[in-house]
Amino acid sequence: PELVSRVLTAISPQELRVFVDAVARAIER
């Protein structure tokens, strides 16, 4: 949770979701 908190001070939850989805897609490929 402290990591999520730190990240969410810089980007929105939606931006975090986009980032994580992009990483997941790259790993799948």
mmCIF file of all heavy atoms, coordinates in Angstrom:
data_MODEL
# 
_entry.id   MODEL 
# 
loop_
_atom_site.group_PDB 
_atom_site.id 
_atom_site.type_symbol 
_atom_site.label_atom_id 
_atom_site.label_alt_id 
_atom_site.label_comp_id 
_atom_site.label_asym_id 
_atom_site.label_entity_id 
_atom_site.label_seq_id 
_atom_site.pdbx_PDB_ins_code 
_atom_site.Cartn_x 
_atom_site.Cartn_y 
_atom_site.Cartn_z 
_atom_site.occupancy 
_atom_site.B_iso_or_equiv 
_atom_site.pdbx_formal_charge 
_atom_site.auth_seq_id 
_atom_site.auth_comp_id 
_atom_site.auth_asym_id 
_atom_site.auth_atom_id 
_atom_site.pdbx_PDB_model_num 
ATOM 1   N N   . PRO A 1 1  ? 0.794  -1.227  0.000   1.00 0.00 ? 1  PRO A N   1 
ATOM 2   C CA  . PRO A 1 1  ? 0.000  0.000   0.000   1.00 0.00 ? 1  PRO A CA  1 
ATOM 3   C C   . PRO A 1 1  ? 0.832  1.284   0.000   1.00 0.00 ? 1  PRO A C   1 
ATOM 4   O O   . PRO A 1 1  ? 0.430  2.267   -0.610  1.00 0.00 ? 1  PRO A O   1 
ATOM 5   C CB  . PRO A 1 1  ? -0.854 -0.096  1.259   1.00 0.00 ? 1  PRO A CB  1 
ATOM 6   C CG  . PRO A 1 1  ? -0.319 -1.220  2.045   1.00 0.00 ? 1  PRO A CG  1 
ATOM 7   C CD  . PRO A 1 1  ? 0.505  -2.073  1.144   1.00 0.00 ? 1  PRO A CD  1 
ATOM 8   N N   . GLU A 1 2  ? 2.014  1.264   0.634   1.00 0.00 ? 2  GLU A N   1 
ATOM 9   C CA  . GLU A 1 2  ? 2.826  2.487   0.637   1.00 0.00 ? 2  GLU A CA  1 
ATOM 10  C C   . GLU A 1 2  ? 3.342  2.797   -0.762  1.00 0.00 ? 2  GLU A C   1 
ATOM 11  O O   . GLU A 1 2  ? 3.475  3.961   -1.133  1.00 0.00 ? 2  GLU A O   1 
ATOM 12  C CB  . GLU A 1 2  ? 3.972  2.427   1.657   1.00 0.00 ? 2  GLU A CB  1 
ATOM 13  C CG  . GLU A 1 2  ? 5.075  1.453   1.338   1.00 0.00 ? 2  GLU A CG  1 
ATOM 14  C CD  . GLU A 1 2  ? 4.802  0.013   1.776   1.00 0.00 ? 2  GLU A CD  1 
ATOM 15  O OE1 . GLU A 1 2  ? 3.755  -0.273  2.363   1.00 0.00 ? 2  GLU A OE1 1 
ATOM 16  O OE2 . GLU A 1 2  ? 5.667  -0.829  1.514   1.00 0.00 ? 2  GLU A OE2 1 
ATOM 17  N N   . LEU A 1 3  ? 3.598  1.770   -1.563  1.00 0.00 ? 3  LEU A N   1 
ATOM 18  C CA  . LEU A 1 3  ? 4.017  1.983   -2.947  1.00 0.00 ? 3  LEU A CA  1 
ATOM 19  C C   . LEU A 1 3  ? 2.868  2.557   -3.761  1.00 0.00 ? 3  LEU A C   1 
ATOM 20  O O   . LEU A 1 3  ? 3.043  3.520   -4.513  1.00 0.00 ? 3  LEU A O   1 
ATOM 21  C CB  . LEU A 1 3  ? 4.515  0.678   -3.572  1.00 0.00 ? 3  LEU A CB  1 
ATOM 22  C CG  . LEU A 1 3  ? 4.895  0.750   -5.052  1.00 0.00 ? 3  LEU A CG  1 
ATOM 23  C CD1 . LEU A 1 3  ? 6.025  1.748   -5.265  1.00 0.00 ? 3  LEU A CD1 1 
ATOM 24  C CD2 . LEU A 1 3  ? 5.278  -0.626  -5.565  1.00 0.00 ? 3  LEU A CD2 1 
ATOM 25  N N   . VAL A 1 4  ? 1.683  1.984   -3.601  1.00 0.00 ? 4  VAL A N   1 
ATOM 26  C CA  . VAL A 1 4  ? 0.508  2.502   -4.301  1.00 0.00 ? 4  VAL A CA  1 
ATOM 27  C C   . VAL A 1 4  ? 0.281  3.959   -3.923  1.00 0.00 ? 4  VAL A C   1 
ATOM 28  O O   . VAL A 1 4  ? 0.037  4.809   -4.785  1.00 0.00 ? 4  VAL A O   1 
ATOM 29  C CB  . VAL A 1 4  ? -0.749 1.657   -3.987  1.00 0.00 ? 4  VAL A CB  1 
ATOM 30  C CG1 . VAL A 1 4  ? -1.995 2.294   -4.580  1.00 0.00 ? 4  VAL A CG1 1 
ATOM 31  C CG2 . VAL A 1 4  ? -0.579 0.238   -4.504  1.00 0.00 ? 4  VAL A CG2 1 
ATOM 32  N N   . SER A 1 5  ? 0.398  4.263   -2.658  1.00 0.00 ? 5  SER A N   1 
ATOM 33  C CA  . SER A 1 5  ? 0.206  5.636   -2.187  1.00 0.00 ? 5  SER A CA  1 
ATOM 34  C C   . SER A 1 5  ? 1.199  6.587   -2.841  1.00 0.00 ? 5  SER A C   1 
ATOM 35  O O   . SER A 1 5  ? 0.826  7.660   -3.321  1.00 0.00 ? 5  SER A O   1 
ATOM 36  C CB  . SER A 1 5  ? 0.356  5.685   -0.666  1.00 0.00 ? 5  SER A CB  1 
ATOM 37  O OG  . SER A 1 5  ? 0.296  7.005   -0.209  1.00 0.00 ? 5  SER A OG  1 
ATOM 38  N N   . ARG A 1 6  ? 2.463  6.194   -2.886  1.00 0.00 ? 6  ARG A N   1 
ATOM 39  C CA  . ARG A 1 6  ? 3.489  7.049   -3.488  1.00 0.00 ? 6  ARG A CA  1 
ATOM 40  C C   . ARG A 1 6  ? 3.244  7.246   -4.972  1.00 0.00 ? 6  ARG A C   1 
ATOM 41  O O   . ARG A 1 6  ? 3.364  8.352   -5.497  1.00 0.00 ? 6  ARG A O   1 
ATOM 42  C CB  . ARG A 1 6  ? 4.874  6.470   -3.243  1.00 0.00 ? 6  ARG A CB  1 
ATOM 43  C CG  . ARG A 1 6  ? 5.308  6.588   -1.785  1.00 0.00 ? 6  ARG A CG  1 
ATOM 44  C CD  . ARG A 1 6  ? 6.671  6.022   -1.512  1.00 0.00 ? 6  ARG A CD  1 
ATOM 45  N NE  . ARG A 1 6  ? 7.670  6.593   -2.397  1.00 0.00 ? 6  ARG A NE  1 
ATOM 46  C CZ  . ARG A 1 6  ? 8.741  5.929   -2.808  1.00 0.00 ? 6  ARG A CZ  1 
ATOM 47  N NH1 . ARG A 1 6  ? 8.968  4.698   -2.425  1.00 0.00 ? 6  ARG A NH1 1 
ATOM 48  N NH2 . ARG A 1 6  ? 9.606  6.506   -3.606  1.00 0.00 ? 6  ARG A NH2 1 
ATOM 49  N N   . VAL A 1 7  ? 2.895  6.175   -5.661  1.00 0.00 ? 7  VAL A N   1 
ATOM 50  C CA  . VAL A 1 7  ? 2.634  6.262   -7.097  1.00 0.00 ? 7  VAL A CA  1 
ATOM 51  C C   . VAL A 1 7  ? 1.435  7.160   -7.370  1.00 0.00 ? 7  VAL A C   1 
ATOM 52  O O   . VAL A 1 7  ? 1.452  7.992   -8.279  1.00 0.00 ? 7  VAL A O   1 
ATOM 53  C CB  . VAL A 1 7  ? 2.421  4.851   -7.695  1.00 0.00 ? 7  VAL A CB  1 
ATOM 54  C CG1 . VAL A 1 7  ? 1.864  4.927   -9.096  1.00 0.00 ? 7  VAL A CG1 1 
ATOM 55  C CG2 . VAL A 1 7  ? 3.726  4.060   -7.681  1.00 0.00 ? 7  VAL A CG2 1 
ATOM 56  N N   . LEU A 1 8  ? 0.378  7.025   -6.552  1.00 0.00 ? 8  LEU A N   1 
ATOM 57  C CA  . LEU A 1 8  ? -0.844 7.789   -6.789  1.00 0.00 ? 8  LEU A CA  1 
ATOM 58  C C   . LEU A 1 8  ? -0.707 9.273   -6.440  1.00 0.00 ? 8  LEU A C   1 
ATOM 59  O O   . LEU A 1 8  ? -1.602 10.052  -6.747  1.00 0.00 ? 8  LEU A O   1 
ATOM 60  C CB  . LEU A 1 8  ? -2.018 7.167   -6.028  1.00 0.00 ? 8  LEU A CB  1 
ATOM 61  C CG  . LEU A 1 8  ? -2.467 5.809   -6.558  1.00 0.00 ? 8  LEU A CG  1 
ATOM 62  C CD1 . LEU A 1 8  ? -3.595 5.250   -5.703  1.00 0.00 ? 8  LEU A CD1 1 
ATOM 63  C CD2 . LEU A 1 8  ? -2.859 5.875   -8.023  1.00 0.00 ? 8  LEU A CD2 1 
ATOM 64  N N   . THR A 1 9  ? 0.404  9.664   -5.851  1.00 0.00 ? 9  THR A N   1 
ATOM 65  C CA  . THR A 1 9  ? 0.630  11.098  -5.665  1.00 0.00 ? 9  THR A CA  1 
ATOM 66  C C   . THR A 1 9  ? 1.139  11.729  -6.954  1.00 0.00 ? 9  THR A C   1 
ATOM 67  O O   . THR A 1 9  ? 1.094  12.940  -7.111  1.00 0.00 ? 9  THR A O   1 
ATOM 68  C CB  . THR A 1 9  ? 1.633  11.395  -4.527  1.00 0.00 ? 9  THR A CB  1 
ATOM 69  O OG1 . THR A 1 9  ? 2.889  10.824  -4.851  1.00 0.00 ? 9  THR A OG1 1 
ATOM 70  C CG2 . THR A 1 9  ? 1.127  10.882  -3.186  1.00 0.00 ? 9  THR A CG2 1 
ATOM 71  N N   . ALA A 1 10 ? 1.621  10.883  -7.878  1.00 0.00 ? 10 ALA A N   1 
ATOM 72  C CA  . ALA A 1 10 ? 2.171  11.396  -9.140  1.00 0.00 ? 10 ALA A CA  1 
ATOM 73  C C   . ALA A 1 10 ? 1.259  11.149  -10.331 1.00 0.00 ? 10 ALA A C   1 
ATOM 74  O O   . ALA A 1 10 ? 1.249  11.934  -11.274 1.00 0.00 ? 10 ALA A O   1 
ATOM 75  C CB  . ALA A 1 10 ? 3.538  10.762  -9.400  1.00 0.00 ? 10 ALA A CB  1 
ATOM 76  N N   . ILE A 1 11 ? 0.529  10.027  -10.322 1.00 0.00 ? 11 ILE A N   1 
ATOM 77  C CA  . ILE A 1 11 ? -0.352 9.701   -11.444 1.00 0.00 ? 11 ILE A CA  1 
ATOM 78  C C   . ILE A 1 11 ? -1.719 9.288   -10.911 1.00 0.00 ? 11 ILE A C   1 
ATOM 79  O O   . ILE A 1 11 ? -1.853 8.960   -9.735  1.00 0.00 ? 11 ILE A O   1 
ATOM 80  C CB  . ILE A 1 11 ? 0.241  8.580   -12.335 1.00 0.00 ? 11 ILE A CB  1 
ATOM 81  C CG1 . ILE A 1 11 ? 0.362  7.268   -11.558 1.00 0.00 ? 11 ILE A CG1 1 
ATOM 82  C CG2 . ILE A 1 11 ? 1.562  9.004   -12.939 1.00 0.00 ? 11 ILE A CG2 1 
ATOM 83  C CD1 . ILE A 1 11 ? 0.796  6.090   -12.413 1.00 0.00 ? 11 ILE A CD1 1 
ATOM 84  N N   . SER A 1 12 ? -2.698 9.283   -11.776 1.00 0.00 ? 12 SER A N   1 
ATOM 85  C CA  . SER A 1 12 ? -4.061 8.916   -11.378 1.00 0.00 ? 12 SER A CA  1 
ATOM 86  C C   . SER A 1 12 ? -4.208 7.394   -11.337 1.00 0.00 ? 12 SER A C   1 
ATOM 87  O O   . SER A 1 12 ? -3.415 6.672   -11.955 1.00 0.00 ? 12 SER A O   1 
ATOM 88  C CB  . SER A 1 12 ? -5.066 9.500   -12.367 1.00 0.00 ? 12 SER A CB  1 
ATOM 89  O OG  . SER A 1 12 ? -5.001 8.812   -13.602 1.00 0.00 ? 12 SER A OG  1 
ATOM 90  N N   . PRO A 1 13 ? -5.235 6.882   -10.641 1.00 0.00 ? 13 PRO A N   1 
ATOM 91  C CA  . PRO A 1 13 ? -5.476 5.442   -10.658 1.00 0.00 ? 13 PRO A CA  1 
ATOM 92  C C   . PRO A 1 13 ? -5.674 4.909   -12.075 1.00 0.00 ? 13 PRO A C   1 
ATOM 93  O O   . PRO A 1 13 ? -5.215 3.816   -12.397 1.00 0.00 ? 13 PRO A O   1 
ATOM 94  C CB  . PRO A 1 13 ? -6.760 5.288   -9.827  1.00 0.00 ? 13 PRO A CB  1 
ATOM 95  C CG  . PRO A 1 13 ? -6.753 6.459   -8.905  1.00 0.00 ? 13 PRO A CG  1 
ATOM 96  C CD  . PRO A 1 13 ? -6.140 7.576   -9.714  1.00 0.00 ? 13 PRO A CD  1 
ATOM 97  N N   . GLN A 1 14 ? -6.328 5.676   -12.925 1.00 0.00 ? 14 GLN A N   1 
ATOM 98  C CA  . GLN A 1 14 ? -6.533 5.252   -14.311 1.00 0.00 ? 14 GLN A CA  1 
ATOM 99  C C   . GLN A 1 14 ? -5.191 5.148   -15.043 1.00 0.00 ? 14 GLN A C   1 
ATOM 100 O O   . GLN A 1 14 ? -4.957 4.198   -15.791 1.00 0.00 ? 14 GLN A O   1 
ATOM 101 C CB  . GLN A 1 14 ? -7.451 6.225   -15.031 1.00 0.00 ? 14 GLN A CB  1 
ATOM 102 C CG  . GLN A 1 14 ? -7.753 5.824   -16.454 1.00 0.00 ? 14 GLN A CG  1 
ATOM 103 C CD  . GLN A 1 14 ? -8.664 6.816   -17.150 1.00 0.00 ? 14 GLN A CD  1 
ATOM 104 O OE1 . GLN A 1 14 ? -8.843 7.935   -16.703 1.00 0.00 ? 14 GLN A OE1 1 
ATOM 105 N NE2 . GLN A 1 14 ? -9.233 6.392   -18.257 1.00 0.00 ? 14 GLN A NE2 1 
ATOM 106 N N   . GLU A 1 15 ? -4.300 6.102   -14.825 1.00 0.00 ? 15 GLU A N   1 
ATOM 107 C CA  . GLU A 1 15 ? -2.980 6.049   -15.460 1.00 0.00 ? 15 GLU A CA  1 
ATOM 108 C C   . GLU A 1 15 ? -2.179 4.854   -14.957 1.00 0.00 ? 15 GLU A C   1 
ATOM 109 O O   . GLU A 1 15 ? -1.473 4.206   -15.731 1.00 0.00 ? 15 GLU A O   1 
ATOM 110 C CB  . GLU A 1 15 ? -2.215 7.343   -15.202 1.00 0.00 ? 15 GLU A CB  1 
ATOM 111 C CG  . GLU A 1 15 ? -2.795 8.546   -15.925 1.00 0.00 ? 15 GLU A CG  1 
ATOM 112 C CD  . GLU A 1 15 ? -2.214 9.867   -15.450 1.00 0.00 ? 15 GLU A CD  1 
ATOM 113 O OE1 . GLU A 1 15 ? -1.963 10.026  -14.231 1.00 0.00 ? 15 GLU A OE1 1 
ATOM 114 O OE2 . GLU A 1 15 ? -2.005 10.743  -16.308 1.00 0.00 ? 15 GLU A OE2 1 
ATOM 115 N N   . LEU A 1 16 ? -2.293 4.539   -13.671 1.00 0.00 ? 16 LEU A N   1 
ATOM 116 C CA  . LEU A 1 16 ? -1.625 3.362   -13.118 1.00 0.00 ? 16 LEU A CA  1 
ATOM 117 C C   . LEU A 1 16 ? -2.147 2.105   -13.794 1.00 0.00 ? 16 LEU A C   1 
ATOM 118 O O   . LEU A 1 16 ? -1.375 1.225   -14.177 1.00 0.00 ? 16 LEU A O   1 
ATOM 119 C CB  . LEU A 1 16 ? -1.823 3.280   -11.606 1.00 0.00 ? 16 LEU A CB  1 
ATOM 120 C CG  . LEU A 1 16 ? -1.250 2.037   -10.923 1.00 0.00 ? 16 LEU A CG  1 
ATOM 121 C CD1 . LEU A 1 16 ? 0.256  1.926   -11.141 1.00 0.00 ? 16 LEU A CD1 1 
ATOM 122 C CD2 . LEU A 1 16 ? -1.595 2.049   -9.435  1.00 0.00 ? 16 LEU A CD2 1 
ATOM 123 N N   . ARG A 1 17 ? -3.461 2.028   -13.975 1.00 0.00 ? 17 ARG A N   1 
ATOM 124 C CA  . ARG A 1 17 ? -4.074 0.865   -14.621 1.00 0.00 ? 17 ARG A CA  1 
ATOM 125 C C   . ARG A 1 17 ? -3.561 0.728   -16.063 1.00 0.00 ? 17 ARG A C   1 
ATOM 126 O O   . ARG A 1 17 ? -3.237 -0.370  -16.508 1.00 0.00 ? 17 ARG A O   1 
ATOM 127 C CB  . ARG A 1 17 ? -5.599 1.009   -14.592 1.00 0.00 ? 17 ARG A CB  1 
ATOM 128 C CG  . ARG A 1 17 ? -6.331 -0.253  -14.928 1.00 0.00 ? 17 ARG A CG  1 
ATOM 129 C CD  . ARG A 1 17 ? -7.821 -0.130  -14.660 1.00 0.00 ? 17 ARG A CD  1 
ATOM 130 N NE  . ARG A 1 17 ? -8.105 0.300   -13.306 1.00 0.00 ? 17 ARG A NE  1 
ATOM 131 C CZ  . ARG A 1 17 ? -8.643 1.478   -12.974 1.00 0.00 ? 17 ARG A CZ  1 
ATOM 132 N NH1 . ARG A 1 17 ? -8.977 2.342   -13.895 1.00 0.00 ? 17 ARG A NH1 1 
ATOM 133 N NH2 . ARG A 1 17 ? -8.868 1.788   -11.710 1.00 0.00 ? 17 ARG A NH2 1 
ATOM 134 N N   . VAL A 1 18 ? -3.477 1.833   -16.795 1.00 0.00 ? 18 VAL A N   1 
ATOM 135 C CA  . VAL A 1 18 ? -2.974 1.807   -18.178 1.00 0.00 ? 18 VAL A CA  1 
ATOM 136 C C   . VAL A 1 18 ? -1.527 1.305   -18.193 1.00 0.00 ? 18 VAL A C   1 
ATOM 137 O O   . VAL A 1 18 ? -1.161 0.466   -19.017 1.00 0.00 ? 18 VAL A O   1 
ATOM 138 C CB  . VAL A 1 18 ? -3.087 3.203   -18.826 1.00 0.00 ? 18 VAL A CB  1 
ATOM 139 C CG1 . VAL A 1 18 ? -2.311 3.277   -20.132 1.00 0.00 ? 18 VAL A CG1 1 
ATOM 140 C CG2 . VAL A 1 18 ? -4.548 3.572   -19.046 1.00 0.00 ? 18 VAL A CG2 1 
ATOM 141 N N   . PHE A 1 19 ? -0.726 1.803   -17.275 1.00 0.00 ? 19 PHE A N   1 
ATOM 142 C CA  . PHE A 1 19 ? 0.682  1.400   -17.189 1.00 0.00 ? 19 PHE A CA  1 
ATOM 143 C C   . PHE A 1 19 ? 0.806  -0.091  -16.914 1.00 0.00 ? 19 PHE A C   1 
ATOM 144 O O   . PHE A 1 19 ? 1.536  -0.808  -17.616 1.00 0.00 ? 19 PHE A O   1 
ATOM 145 C CB  . PHE A 1 19 ? 1.395  2.215   -16.094 1.00 0.00 ? 19 PHE A CB  1 
ATOM 146 C CG  . PHE A 1 19 ? 2.803  1.777   -15.837 1.00 0.00 ? 19 PHE A CG  1 
ATOM 147 C CD1 . PHE A 1 19 ? 3.821  2.126   -16.709 1.00 0.00 ? 19 PHE A CD1 1 
ATOM 148 C CD2 . PHE A 1 19 ? 3.110  1.010   -14.725 1.00 0.00 ? 19 PHE A CD2 1 
ATOM 149 C CE1 . PHE A 1 19 ? 5.128  1.719   -16.473 1.00 0.00 ? 19 PHE A CE1 1 
ATOM 150 C CE2 . PHE A 1 19 ? 4.412  0.591   -14.489 1.00 0.00 ? 19 PHE A CE2 1 
ATOM 151 C CZ  . PHE A 1 19 ? 5.418  0.945   -15.363 1.00 0.00 ? 19 PHE A CZ  1 
ATOM 152 N N   . VAL A 1 20 ? 0.090  -0.578  -15.911 1.00 0.00 ? 20 VAL A N   1 
ATOM 153 C CA  . VAL A 1 20 ? 0.173  -1.989  -15.543 1.00 0.00 ? 20 VAL A CA  1 
ATOM 154 C C   . VAL A 1 20 ? -0.329 -2.872  -16.683 1.00 0.00 ? 20 VAL A C   1 
ATOM 155 O O   . VAL A 1 20 ? 0.271  -3.906  -16.991 1.00 0.00 ? 20 VAL A O   1 
ATOM 156 C CB  . VAL A 1 20 ? -0.607 -2.252  -14.227 1.00 0.00 ? 20 VAL A CB  1 
ATOM 157 C CG1 . VAL A 1 20 ? -0.727 -3.739  -13.949 1.00 0.00 ? 20 VAL A CG1 1 
ATOM 158 C CG2 . VAL A 1 20 ? 0.072  -1.539  -13.063 1.00 0.00 ? 20 VAL A CG2 1 
ATOM 159 N N   . ASP A 1 21 ? -1.422 -2.471  -17.336 1.00 0.00 ? 21 ASP A N   1 
ATOM 160 C CA  . ASP A 1 21 ? -1.937 -3.239  -18.472 1.00 0.00 ? 21 ASP A CA  1 
ATOM 161 C C   . ASP A 1 21 ? -0.915 -3.300  -19.603 1.00 0.00 ? 21 ASP A C   1 
ATOM 162 O O   . ASP A 1 21 ? -0.742 -4.348  -20.238 1.00 0.00 ? 21 ASP A O   1 
ATOM 163 C CB  . ASP A 1 21 ? -3.251 -2.648  -18.991 1.00 0.00 ? 21 ASP A CB  1 
ATOM 164 C CG  . ASP A 1 21 ? -4.430 -2.961  -18.090 1.00 0.00 ? 21 ASP A CG  1 
ATOM 165 O OD1 . ASP A 1 21 ? -4.309 -3.846  -17.218 1.00 0.00 ? 21 ASP A OD1 1 
ATOM 166 O OD2 . ASP A 1 21 ? -5.486 -2.319  -18.263 1.00 0.00 ? 21 ASP A OD2 1 
ATOM 167 N N   . ALA A 1 22 ? -0.229 -2.201  -19.877 1.00 0.00 ? 22 ALA A N   1 
ATOM 168 C CA  . ALA A 1 22 ? 0.781  -2.174  -20.941 1.00 0.00 ? 22 ALA A CA  1 
ATOM 169 C C   . ALA A 1 22 ? 1.936  -3.117  -20.615 1.00 0.00 ? 22 ALA A C   1 
ATOM 170 O O   . ALA A 1 22 ? 2.428  -3.843  -21.494 1.00 0.00 ? 22 ALA A O   1 
ATOM 171 C CB  . ALA A 1 22 ? 1.290  -0.752  -21.157 1.00 0.00 ? 22 ALA A CB  1 
ATOM 172 N N   . VAL A 1 23 ? 2.368  -3.137  -19.372 1.00 0.00 ? 23 VAL A N   1 
ATOM 173 C CA  . VAL A 1 23 ? 3.450  -4.045  -18.965 1.00 0.00 ? 23 VAL A CA  1 
ATOM 174 C C   . VAL A 1 23 ? 2.980  -5.491  -19.116 1.00 0.00 ? 23 VAL A C   1 
ATOM 175 O O   . VAL A 1 23 ? 3.707  -6.340  -19.642 1.00 0.00 ? 23 VAL A O   1 
ATOM 176 C CB  . VAL A 1 23 ? 3.900  -3.745  -17.517 1.00 0.00 ? 23 VAL A CB  1 
ATOM 177 C CG1 . VAL A 1 23 ? 4.842  -4.823  -16.999 1.00 0.00 ? 23 VAL A CG1 1 
ATOM 178 C CG2 . VAL A 1 23 ? 4.561  -2.369  -17.433 1.00 0.00 ? 23 VAL A CG2 1 
ATOM 179 N N   . ALA A 1 24 ? 1.761  -5.774  -18.689 1.00 0.00 ? 24 ALA A N   1 
ATOM 180 C CA  . ALA A 1 24 ? 1.230  -7.142  -18.804 1.00 0.00 ? 24 ALA A CA  1 
ATOM 181 C C   . ALA A 1 24 ? 1.170  -7.586  -20.259 1.00 0.00 ? 24 ALA A C   1 
ATOM 182 O O   . ALA A 1 24 ? 1.551  -8.716  -20.592 1.00 0.00 ? 24 ALA A O   1 
ATOM 183 C CB  . ALA A 1 24 ? -0.153 -7.225  -18.166 1.00 0.00 ? 24 ALA A CB  1 
ATOM 184 N N   . ARG A 1 25 ? 0.700  -6.711  -21.136 1.00 0.00 ? 25 ARG A N   1 
ATOM 185 C CA  . ARG A 1 25 ? 0.619  -7.046  -22.566 1.00 0.00 ? 25 ARG A CA  1 
ATOM 186 C C   . ARG A 1 25 ? 2.009  -7.315  -23.145 1.00 0.00 ? 25 ARG A C   1 
ATOM 187 O O   . ARG A 1 25 ? 2.192  -8.248  -23.930 1.00 0.00 ? 25 ARG A O   1 
ATOM 188 C CB  . ARG A 1 25 ? -0.048 -5.919  -23.369 1.00 0.00 ? 25 ARG A CB  1 
ATOM 189 C CG  . ARG A 1 25 ? -1.473 -5.611  -23.038 1.00 0.00 ? 25 ARG A CG  1 
ATOM 190 C CD  . ARG A 1 25 ? -2.429 -6.568  -23.683 1.00 0.00 ? 25 ARG A CD  1 
ATOM 191 N NE  . ARG A 1 25 ? -3.831 -6.380  -23.463 1.00 0.00 ? 25 ARG A NE  1 
ATOM 192 C CZ  . ARG A 1 25 ? -4.472 -6.075  -22.354 1.00 0.00 ? 25 ARG A CZ  1 
ATOM 193 N NH1 . ARG A 1 25 ? -3.823 -5.824  -21.265 1.00 0.00 ? 25 ARG A NH1 1 
ATOM 194 N NH2 . ARG A 1 25 ? -5.784 -6.003  -22.294 1.00 0.00 ? 25 ARG A NH2 1 
ATOM 195 N N   . ALA A 1 26 ? 2.985  -6.510  -22.766 1.00 0.00 ? 26 ALA A N   1 
ATOM 196 C CA  . ALA A 1 26 ? 4.355  -6.705  -23.259 1.00 0.00 ? 26 ALA A CA  1 
ATOM 197 C C   . ALA A 1 26 ? 4.905  -8.052  -22.790 1.00 0.00 ? 26 ALA A C   1 
ATOM 198 O O   . ALA A 1 26 ? 5.551  -8.772  -23.568 1.00 0.00 ? 26 ALA A O   1 
ATOM 199 C CB  . ALA A 1 26 ? 5.253  -5.563  -22.786 1.00 0.00 ? 26 ALA A CB  1 
ATOM 200 N N   . ILE A 1 27 ? 4.635  -8.408  -21.556 1.00 0.00 ? 27 ILE A N   1 
ATOM 201 C CA  . ILE A 1 27 ? 5.097  -9.700  -21.029 1.00 0.00 ? 27 ILE A CA  1 
ATOM 202 C C   . ILE A 1 27 ? 4.400  -10.848 -21.746 1.00 0.00 ? 27 ILE A C   1 
ATOM 203 O O   . ILE A 1 27 ? 5.044  -11.831 -22.133 1.00 0.00 ? 27 ILE A O   1 
ATOM 204 C CB  . ILE A 1 27 ? 4.871  -9.781  -19.505 1.00 0.00 ? 27 ILE A CB  1 
ATOM 205 C CG1 . ILE A 1 27 ? 5.792  -8.785  -18.798 1.00 0.00 ? 27 ILE A CG1 1 
ATOM 206 C CG2 . ILE A 1 27 ? 5.080  -11.199 -18.993 1.00 0.00 ? 27 ILE A CG2 1 
ATOM 207 C CD1 . ILE A 1 27 ? 5.487  -8.572  -17.337 1.00 0.00 ? 27 ILE A CD1 1 
ATOM 208 N N   . GLU A 1 28 ? 3.096  -10.692 -21.992 1.00 0.00 ? 28 GLU A N   1 
ATOM 209 C CA  . GLU A 1 28 ? 2.352  -11.748 -22.711 1.00 0.00 ? 28 GLU A CA  1 
ATOM 210 C C   . GLU A 1 28 ? 2.926  -11.948 -24.119 1.00 0.00 ? 28 GLU A C   1 
ATOM 211 O O   . GLU A 1 28 ? 3.108  -13.076 -24.561 1.00 0.00 ? 28 GLU A O   1 
ATOM 212 C CB  . GLU A 1 28 ? 0.865  -11.390 -22.787 1.00 0.00 ? 28 GLU A CB  1 
ATOM 213 C CG  . GLU A 1 28 ? 0.138  -11.551 -21.485 1.00 0.00 ? 28 GLU A CG  1 
ATOM 214 C CD  . GLU A 1 28 ? -1.333 -11.201 -21.572 1.00 0.00 ? 28 GLU A CD  1 
ATOM 215 O OE1 . GLU A 1 28 ? -1.640 -10.120 -22.126 1.00 0.00 ? 28 GLU A OE1 1 
ATOM 216 O OE2 . GLU A 1 28 ? -2.156 -11.994 -21.101 1.00 0.00 ? 28 GLU A OE2 1 
ATOM 217 N N   . ARG A 1 29 ? 3.192  -10.839 -24.828 1.00 0.00 ? 29 ARG A N   1 
ATOM 218 C CA  . ARG A 1 29 ? 3.762  -10.941 -26.169 1.00 0.00 ? 29 ARG A CA  1 
ATOM 219 C C   . ARG A 1 29 ? 5.135  -11.608 -26.145 1.00 0.00 ? 29 ARG A C   1 
ATOM 220 O O   . ARG A 1 29 ? 5.449  -12.450 -26.973 1.00 0.00 ? 29 ARG A O   1 
ATOM 221 C CB  . ARG A 1 29 ? 3.831  -9.569  -26.834 1.00 0.00 ? 29 ARG A CB  1 
ATOM 222 C CG  . ARG A 1 29 ? 2.487  -9.054  -27.328 1.00 0.00 ? 29 ARG A CG  1 
ATOM 223 C CD  . ARG A 1 29 ? 2.648  -7.825  -28.192 1.00 0.00 ? 29 ARG A CD  1 
ATOM 224 N NE  . ARG A 1 29 ? 3.272  -6.704  -27.509 1.00 0.00 ? 29 ARG A NE  1 
ATOM 225 C CZ  . ARG A 1 29 ? 2.630  -5.808  -26.771 1.00 0.00 ? 29 ARG A CZ  1 
ATOM 226 N NH1 . ARG A 1 29 ? 1.321  -5.891  -26.628 1.00 0.00 ? 29 ARG A NH1 1 
ATOM 227 N NH2 . ARG A 1 29 ? 3.284  -4.828  -26.183 1.00 0.00 ? 29 ARG A NH2 1 
# 
